[in-house]
């Protein structure tokens, strides 16, 4: 005679239960995926555009600092 715990463990490890759970979850997963798909693309495109904006700001900042050259560094040292 199996104990209750062993019966539950056998039930959980059975292949029928796994297949039944899969068949129940699969339509829910497909529905969620189809609903969220456009938003996922929007987030990906937003992240790419944001990365390019940040890189452009970095390049512009480096250009401005290079253009100022020693003036920027010397003016801060002379004020002290």
Protein backbone atom coordinates (compact mmCIF):
# COMPACT_ATOMS: atom_id res chain seq x y z
CA UNK A 1 0.00 0.00 0.00
CA UNK A 2 1.41 3.33 -1.05
CA UNK A 3 1.39 6.27 1.27
CA UNK A 4 -0.40 9.43 0.35
CA UNK A 5 2.88 11.19 -0.31
CA UNK A 6 4.08 8.48 -2.71
CA UNK A 7 0.76 8.55 -4.53
CA UNK A 8 0.98 12.31 -5.00
CA UNK A 9 4.58 12.09 -6.20
CA UNK A 10 3.66 9.36 -8.69
CA UNK A 11 0.71 11.43 -9.90
CA UNK A 12 2.89 14.51 -10.40
CA UNK A 13 5.57 12.55 -12.26
CA UNK A 14 3.13 10.83 -14.59
CA UNK A 15 3.32 11.69 -18.29
CA UNK A 16 -0.46 12.03 -18.60
CA UNK A 17 -0.50 14.89 -16.14
CA UNK A 18 2.30 16.66 -18.01
CA UNK A 19 0.45 16.29 -21.31
CA UNK A 20 -2.81 17.52 -19.80
CA UNK A 21 -1.16 20.53 -18.24
CA UNK A 22 0.54 21.29 -21.55
CA UNK A 23 -2.74 21.12 -23.46
CA UNK A 24 -4.37 23.47 -20.94
CA UNK A 25 -1.53 25.98 -20.86
CA UNK A 26 -0.76 26.02 -24.59
CA UNK A 27 -3.86 28.05 -25.66
CA UNK A 28 -3.30 30.51 -22.81
CA UNK A 29 0.34 30.91 -23.82
CA UNK A 30 -0.57 31.44 -27.48
CA UNK A 31 -3.18 34.03 -26.59
CA UNK A 32 -0.83 35.95 -24.31
CA UNK A 33 1.96 35.81 -26.87
CA UNK A 34 -0.30 37.10 -29.64
CA UNK A 35 -1.53 39.95 -27.42
CA UNK A 36 1.95 40.98 -26.24
CA UNK A 37 3.79 40.53 -29.54
CA UNK A 38 3.34 44.15 -30.79
CA UNK A 39 4.38 45.54 -27.41
CA UNK A 40 7.52 43.41 -27.40
CA UNK A 41 8.47 44.77 -30.82
CA UNK A 42 7.76 48.31 -29.63
CA UNK A 43 10.05 47.83 -26.62
CA UNK A 44 12.83 46.42 -28.80
CA UNK A 45 12.63 49.27 -31.29
CA UNK A 46 12.47 51.80 -28.44
CA UNK A 47 15.62 50.35 -26.86
CA UNK A 48 17.50 50.49 -30.18
CA UNK A 49 16.50 54.11 -30.80
CA UNK A 50 17.33 55.07 -27.23
CA UNK A 51 20.76 53.46 -27.54
CA UNK A 52 21.48 55.46 -30.70
CA UNK A 53 20.35 58.69 -29.02
CA UNK A 54 22.62 58.05 -26.04
CA UNK A 55 25.56 57.28 -28.34
CA UNK A 56 24.91 60.44 -30.35
CA UNK A 57 24.87 62.50 -27.15
CA UNK A 58 28.14 60.90 -26.10
CA UNK A 59 29.76 61.73 -29.45
CA UNK A 60 28.52 65.32 -29.29
CA UNK A 61 29.77 65.70 -25.73
CA UNK A 62 33.20 64.40 -26.72
CA UNK A 63 33.30 66.82 -29.67
CA UNK A 64 32.41 69.76 -27.45
CA UNK A 65 35.03 68.79 -24.87
CA UNK A 66 37.66 68.37 -27.59
CA UNK A 67 36.71 71.71 -29.13
CA UNK A 68 37.10 73.46 -25.78
CA UNK A 69 40.46 71.72 -25.32
CA UNK A 70 42.74 73.21 -22.72
CA UNK A 71 40.45 76.21 -22.25
CA UNK A 72 37.99 74.10 -20.30
CA UNK A 73 40.68 72.61 -18.09
CA UNK A 74 42.71 75.82 -17.59
CA UNK A 75 39.69 77.99 -16.81
CA UNK A 76 38.66 75.71 -13.98
CA UNK A 77 42.21 75.68 -12.58
CA UNK A 78 42.64 79.47 -12.72
CA UNK A 79 39.43 80.15 -10.82
CA UNK A 80 40.81 78.45 -7.68
